[in-house]
Amino acid sequence: MSLRETQQTVDRWIGQYKEGYFPPLTNLARLTEEVGELAREMNHRFGEKTKKAEEPEGSIAMELADILFVVICLANSQGIDLDDAFAQMMRKVTSRDADRWTRKAR
């Protein structure tokens, strides 16, 4: 599924509710919360802070998916096509960072 198709899927789901998308700053707060949940899970797995015995195992994949959902909501509410934006960003980094690292031999 392309980002555009994913954006359309989210838009159809949100469209069934009269409230529609949250305001941009609310979605930004939601995004911050979701990134915090990812950070917590990463810290539990790879950092110094272990989970308590009674805490359920989390999912890094689901935390990333939650972040993606909120990013898509932000993009949709602002009329941003993420396929186009991602392509522009990749052109920027491939041009800017062309000589930054040693490339792998193919």
N, C-alpha and C. Protein backbone atom coordinates (compact mmCIF):
# COMPACT_ATOMS: atom_id res chain seq x y z
N MET A 1 0.85 -1.17 0.00
CA MET A 1 0.00 0.00 0.00
C MET A 1 0.90 1.24 0.00
N SER A 2 0.66 2.15 -0.91
CA SER A 2 1.44 3.38 -0.97
C SER A 2 1.02 4.30 0.18
N LEU A 3 1.81 5.31 0.42
CA LEU A 3 1.42 6.29 1.42
C LEU A 3 0.11 6.96 1.03
N ARG A 4 -0.06 7.23 -0.27
CA ARG A 4 -1.30 7.86 -0.74
C ARG A 4 -2.51 6.96 -0.43
N GLU A 5 -2.37 5.67 -0.69
CA GLU A 5 -3.46 4.74 -0.38
C GLU A 5 -3.71 4.67 1.13
N THR A 6 -2.64 4.69 1.89
CA THR A 6 -2.78 4.68 3.34
C THR A 6 -3.49 5.94 3.81
N GLN A 7 -3.13 7.07 3.23
CA GLN A 7 -3.80 8.33 3.58
C GLN A 7 -5.28 8.26 3.24
N GLN A 8 -5.62 7.66 2.12
CA GLN A 8 -7.03 7.53 1.73
C GLN A 8 -7.77 6.61 2.69
N THR A 9 -7.13 5.53 3.13
CA THR A 9 -7.75 4.61 4.08
C THR A 9 -8.05 5.32 5.39
N VAL A 10 -7.08 6.08 5.90
CA VAL A 10 -7.29 6.83 7.14
C VAL A 10 -8.38 7.86 6.94
N ASP A 11 -8.38 8.54 5.81
CA ASP A 11 -9.39 9.57 5.55
C ASP A 11 -10.79 8.98 5.51
N ARG A 12 -10.94 7.82 4.90
CA ARG A 12 -12.26 7.17 4.88
C ARG A 12 -12.70 6.81 6.31
N TRP A 13 -11.78 6.33 7.12
CA TRP A 13 -12.12 5.95 8.49
C TRP A 13 -12.51 7.18 9.30
N ILE A 14 -11.69 8.22 9.23
CA ILE A 14 -11.98 9.47 9.96
C ILE A 14 -13.28 10.08 9.46
N GLY A 15 -13.54 9.98 8.15
CA GLY A 15 -14.72 10.58 7.54
C GLY A 15 -16.05 10.05 8.05
N GLN A 16 -16.04 8.91 8.69
CA GLN A 16 -17.29 8.37 9.22
C GLN A 16 -17.71 9.02 10.54
N TYR A 17 -16.86 9.86 11.08
CA TYR A 17 -17.15 10.56 12.34
C TYR A 17 -17.36 12.04 12.07
N LYS A 18 -18.41 12.60 12.63
CA LYS A 18 -18.75 14.00 12.36
C LYS A 18 -17.67 14.97 12.85
N GLU A 19 -16.91 14.58 13.86
CA GLU A 19 -15.87 15.47 14.40
C GLU A 19 -14.72 15.64 13.42
N GLY A 20 -14.46 14.64 12.59
CA GLY A 20 -13.35 14.71 11.64
C GLY A 20 -12.00 14.67 12.34
N TYR A 21 -11.03 15.30 11.72
CA TYR A 21 -9.68 15.30 12.27
C TYR A 21 -9.59 16.23 13.47
N PHE A 22 -8.72 15.86 14.41
CA PHE A 22 -8.42 16.75 15.52
C PHE A 22 -7.69 17.98 14.97
N PRO A 23 -7.73 19.09 15.68
CA PRO A 23 -6.95 20.27 15.26
C PRO A 23 -5.45 19.93 15.24
N PRO A 24 -4.67 20.65 14.44
CA PRO A 24 -3.25 20.34 14.29
C PRO A 24 -2.47 20.26 15.60
N LEU A 25 -2.70 21.19 16.52
CA LEU A 25 -1.93 21.15 17.78
C LEU A 25 -2.33 19.96 18.65
N THR A 26 -3.58 19.54 18.56
CA THR A 26 -4.01 18.34 19.28
C THR A 26 -3.32 17.12 18.70
N ASN A 27 -3.26 17.06 17.37
CA ASN A 27 -2.55 15.94 16.74
C ASN A 27 -1.07 15.97 17.04
N LEU A 28 -0.49 17.15 17.14
CA LEU A 28 0.92 17.24 17.51
C LEU A 28 1.14 16.70 18.93
N ALA A 29 0.23 17.02 19.83
CA ALA A 29 0.32 16.48 21.20
C ALA A 29 0.17 14.96 21.17
N ARG A 30 -0.75 14.46 20.35
CA ARG A 30 -0.93 13.01 20.21
C ARG A 30 0.35 12.37 19.67
N LEU A 31 0.97 13.01 18.69
CA LEU A 31 2.20 12.48 18.11
C LEU A 31 3.30 12.42 19.16
N THR A 32 3.41 13.47 19.95
CA THR A 32 4.41 13.50 21.02
C THR A 32 4.16 12.37 22.01
N GLU A 33 2.91 12.15 22.35
CA GLU A 33 2.56 11.05 23.26
C GLU A 33 2.95 9.70 22.67
N GLU A 34 2.66 9.50 21.40
CA GLU A 34 2.99 8.22 20.76
C GLU A 34 4.49 8.01 20.66
N VAL A 35 5.24 9.07 20.37
CA VAL A 35 6.70 8.96 20.33
C VAL A 35 7.23 8.61 21.73
N GLY A 36 6.62 9.18 22.75
CA GLY A 36 7.00 8.83 24.12
C GLY A 36 6.76 7.37 24.43
N GLU A 37 5.65 6.82 23.92
CA GLU A 37 5.36 5.40 24.14
C GLU A 37 6.39 4.53 23.42
N LEU A 38 6.82 4.94 22.23
CA LEU A 38 7.88 4.22 21.53
C LEU A 38 9.18 4.30 22.33
N ALA A 39 9.50 5.48 22.82
CA ALA A 39 10.73 5.66 23.60
C ALA A 39 10.71 4.77 24.84
N ARG A 40 9.57 4.68 25.48
CA ARG A 40 9.45 3.84 26.67
C ARG A 40 9.70 2.38 26.31
N GLU A 41 9.09 1.93 25.23
CA GLU A 41 9.27 0.53 24.82
C GLU A 41 10.72 0.26 24.43
N MET A 42 11.34 1.18 23.70
CA MET A 42 12.74 1.01 23.31
C MET A 42 13.64 0.98 24.56
N ASN A 43 13.35 1.84 25.52
CA ASN A 43 14.14 1.87 26.74
C ASN A 43 13.99 0.57 27.52
N HIS A 44 12.77 0.02 27.54
CA HIS A 44 12.56 -1.25 28.23
C HIS A 44 13.36 -2.37 27.57
N ARG A 45 13.43 -2.34 26.27
CA ARG A 45 14.12 -3.42 25.55
C ARG A 45 15.63 -3.24 25.48
N PHE A 46 16.08 -2.01 25.29
CA PHE A 46 17.49 -1.79 25.00
C PHE A 46 18.20 -0.88 26.00
N GLY A 47 17.46 -0.27 26.89
CA GLY A 47 18.05 0.68 27.81
C GLY A 47 18.20 0.13 29.21
N GLU A 48 18.40 1.05 30.11
CA GLU A 48 18.65 0.71 31.50
C GLU A 48 17.37 0.39 32.28
N LYS A 49 16.24 0.87 31.80
CA LYS A 49 14.99 0.74 32.54
C LYS A 49 14.24 -0.51 32.11
N THR A 50 14.19 -1.49 32.96
CA THR A 50 13.47 -2.72 32.62
C THR A 50 12.01 -2.59 33.04
N LYS A 51 11.18 -3.41 32.43
CA LYS A 51 9.75 -3.40 32.77
C LYS A 51 9.54 -4.07 34.12
N LYS A 52 8.47 -3.65 34.76
CA LYS A 52 8.05 -4.33 35.98
C LYS A 52 7.45 -5.67 35.57
N ALA A 53 7.52 -6.63 36.46
CA ALA A 53 7.05 -7.99 36.16
C ALA A 53 5.59 -8.01 35.71
N GLU A 54 4.78 -7.11 36.26
CA GLU A 54 3.35 -7.11 35.93
C GLU A 54 3.01 -6.35 34.65
N GLU A 55 3.99 -5.65 34.06
CA GLU A 55 3.73 -4.90 32.83
C GLU A 55 3.72 -5.84 31.63
N PRO A 56 2.71 -5.70 30.75
CA PRO A 56 2.66 -6.56 29.57
C PRO A 56 3.76 -6.20 28.57
N GLU A 57 4.14 -7.16 27.77
CA GLU A 57 5.12 -6.94 26.72
C GLU A 57 4.53 -5.97 25.69
N GLY A 58 5.28 -4.98 25.31
CA GLY A 58 4.82 -4.02 24.32
C GLY A 58 5.29 -4.42 22.93
N SER A 59 4.88 -3.63 21.95
CA SER A 59 5.24 -3.93 20.57
C SER A 59 5.82 -2.67 19.92
N ILE A 60 7.07 -2.74 19.55
CA ILE A 60 7.70 -1.63 18.84
C ILE A 60 6.98 -1.38 17.53
N ALA A 61 6.60 -2.45 16.85
CA ALA A 61 5.89 -2.31 15.58
C ALA A 61 4.58 -1.54 15.76
N MET A 62 3.83 -1.85 16.79
CA MET A 62 2.55 -1.16 17.01
C MET A 62 2.77 0.29 17.41
N GLU A 63 3.82 0.56 18.17
CA GLU A 63 4.11 1.94 18.54
C GLU A 63 4.47 2.75 17.29
N LEU A 64 5.27 2.15 16.40
CA LEU A 64 5.60 2.83 15.15
C LEU A 64 4.35 3.04 14.30
N ALA A 65 3.46 2.06 14.27
CA ALA A 65 2.22 2.19 13.51
C ALA A 65 1.34 3.30 14.10
N ASP A 66 1.31 3.41 15.42
CA ASP A 66 0.55 4.50 16.05
C ASP A 66 1.10 5.86 15.62
N ILE A 67 2.42 5.97 15.58
CA ILE A 67 3.06 7.22 15.15
C ILE A 67 2.69 7.51 13.70
N LEU A 68 2.77 6.49 12.86
CA LEU A 68 2.43 6.67 11.45
C LEU A 68 0.99 7.13 11.27
N PHE A 69 0.07 6.55 12.05
CA PHE A 69 -1.34 6.94 11.97
C PHE A 69 -1.51 8.43 12.28
N VAL A 70 -0.87 8.90 13.34
CA VAL A 70 -1.02 10.31 13.71
C VAL A 70 -0.36 11.21 12.68
N VAL A 71 0.80 10.79 12.14
CA VAL A 71 1.45 11.58 11.08
C VAL A 71 0.52 11.67 9.87
N ILE A 72 -0.13 10.58 9.52
CA ILE A 72 -1.07 10.59 8.40
C ILE A 72 -2.25 11.51 8.70
N CYS A 73 -2.76 11.47 9.92
CA CYS A 73 -3.85 12.39 10.29
C CYS A 73 -3.41 13.84 10.14
N LEU A 74 -2.20 14.16 10.60
CA LEU A 74 -1.68 15.52 10.45
C LEU A 74 -1.57 15.90 8.97
N ALA A 75 -1.01 15.00 8.17
CA ALA A 75 -0.85 15.29 6.75
C ALA A 75 -2.20 15.48 6.08
N ASN A 76 -3.13 14.59 6.35
CA ASN A 76 -4.45 14.70 5.73
C ASN A 76 -5.14 15.99 6.12
N SER A 77 -5.06 16.35 7.39
CA SER A 77 -5.75 17.56 7.85
C SER A 77 -5.15 18.82 7.23
N GLN A 78 -3.90 18.72 6.77
CA GLN A 78 -3.22 19.86 6.17
C GLN A 78 -3.14 19.77 4.65
N GLY A 79 -3.77 18.74 4.08
CA GLY A 79 -3.77 18.58 2.63
C GLY A 79 -2.41 18.24 2.04
N ILE A 80 -1.60 17.50 2.79
CA ILE A 80 -0.26 17.14 2.36
C ILE A 80 -0.27 15.72 1.79
N ASP A 81 0.26 15.56 0.59
CA ASP A 81 0.41 14.25 -0.03
C ASP A 81 1.75 13.68 0.43
N LEU A 82 1.72 12.66 1.25
CA LEU A 82 2.95 12.12 1.82
C LEU A 82 3.82 11.41 0.79
N ASP A 83 3.23 10.85 -0.27
CA ASP A 83 4.06 10.27 -1.34
C ASP A 83 4.93 11.36 -1.94
N ASP A 84 4.34 12.50 -2.27
CA ASP A 84 5.11 13.62 -2.83
C ASP A 84 6.13 14.16 -1.83
N ALA A 85 5.70 14.35 -0.59
CA ALA A 85 6.60 14.90 0.43
C ALA A 85 7.78 13.96 0.68
N PHE A 86 7.50 12.65 0.72
CA PHE A 86 8.58 11.69 0.97
C PHE A 86 9.55 11.67 -0.20
N ALA A 87 9.03 11.73 -1.42
CA ALA A 87 9.91 11.75 -2.59
C ALA A 87 10.81 12.99 -2.56
N GLN A 88 10.25 14.15 -2.21
CA GLN A 88 11.05 15.37 -2.10
C GLN A 88 12.13 15.24 -1.02
N MET A 89 11.75 14.65 0.11
CA MET A 89 12.71 14.48 1.20
C MET A 89 13.84 13.54 0.78
N MET A 90 13.51 12.45 0.07
CA MET A 90 14.55 11.52 -0.38
C MET A 90 15.49 12.18 -1.38
N ARG A 91 14.95 13.01 -2.27
CA ARG A 91 15.81 13.75 -3.20
C ARG A 91 16.76 14.66 -2.42
N LYS A 92 16.24 15.30 -1.39
CA LYS A 92 17.05 16.20 -0.56
C LYS A 92 18.18 15.44 0.12
N VAL A 93 17.86 14.34 0.80
CA VAL A 93 18.90 13.64 1.56
C VAL A 93 19.88 12.92 0.65
N THR A 94 19.42 12.39 -0.47
CA THR A 94 20.36 11.70 -1.35
C THR A 94 21.31 12.69 -2.01
N SER A 95 20.85 13.90 -2.25
CA SER A 95 21.72 14.93 -2.81
C SER A 95 22.64 15.48 -1.73
N ARG A 96 22.09 15.84 -0.60
CA ARG A 96 22.86 16.46 0.48
C ARG A 96 23.88 15.51 1.07
N ASP A 97 23.50 14.25 1.21
CA ASP A 97 24.35 13.28 1.90
C ASP A 97 25.08 12.33 0.95
N ALA A 98 25.18 12.69 -0.32
CA ALA A 98 25.75 11.79 -1.31
C ALA A 98 27.16 11.32 -0.94
N ASP A 99 27.94 12.16 -0.32
CA ASP A 99 29.32 11.80 0.02
C ASP A 99 29.54 11.69 1.52
N ARG A 100 28.47 11.59 2.27
CA ARG A 100 28.58 11.61 3.73
C ARG A 100 29.19 10.33 4.29
N TRP A 101 28.76 9.19 3.81
CA TRP A 101 29.21 7.92 4.35
C TRP A 101 29.84 7.09 3.23
N THR A 102 30.64 6.15 3.63
CA THR A 102 31.20 5.21 2.68
C THR A 102 30.09 4.28 2.23
N ARG A 103 29.95 4.15 0.95
CA ARG A 103 28.88 3.30 0.41
C ARG A 103 29.28 1.83 0.49
N LYS A 104 28.26 0.98 0.61
CA LYS A 104 28.48 -0.46 0.59
C LYS A 104 28.82 -0.89 -0.83
N ALA A 105 29.69 -1.85 -0.94
CA ALA A 105 29.99 -2.41 -2.27
C ALA A 105 28.82 -3.29 -2.69
N ARG A 106 28.48 -3.25 -3.95
CA ARG A 106 27.35 -4.07 -4.45
C ARG A 106 27.85 -5.28 -5.14
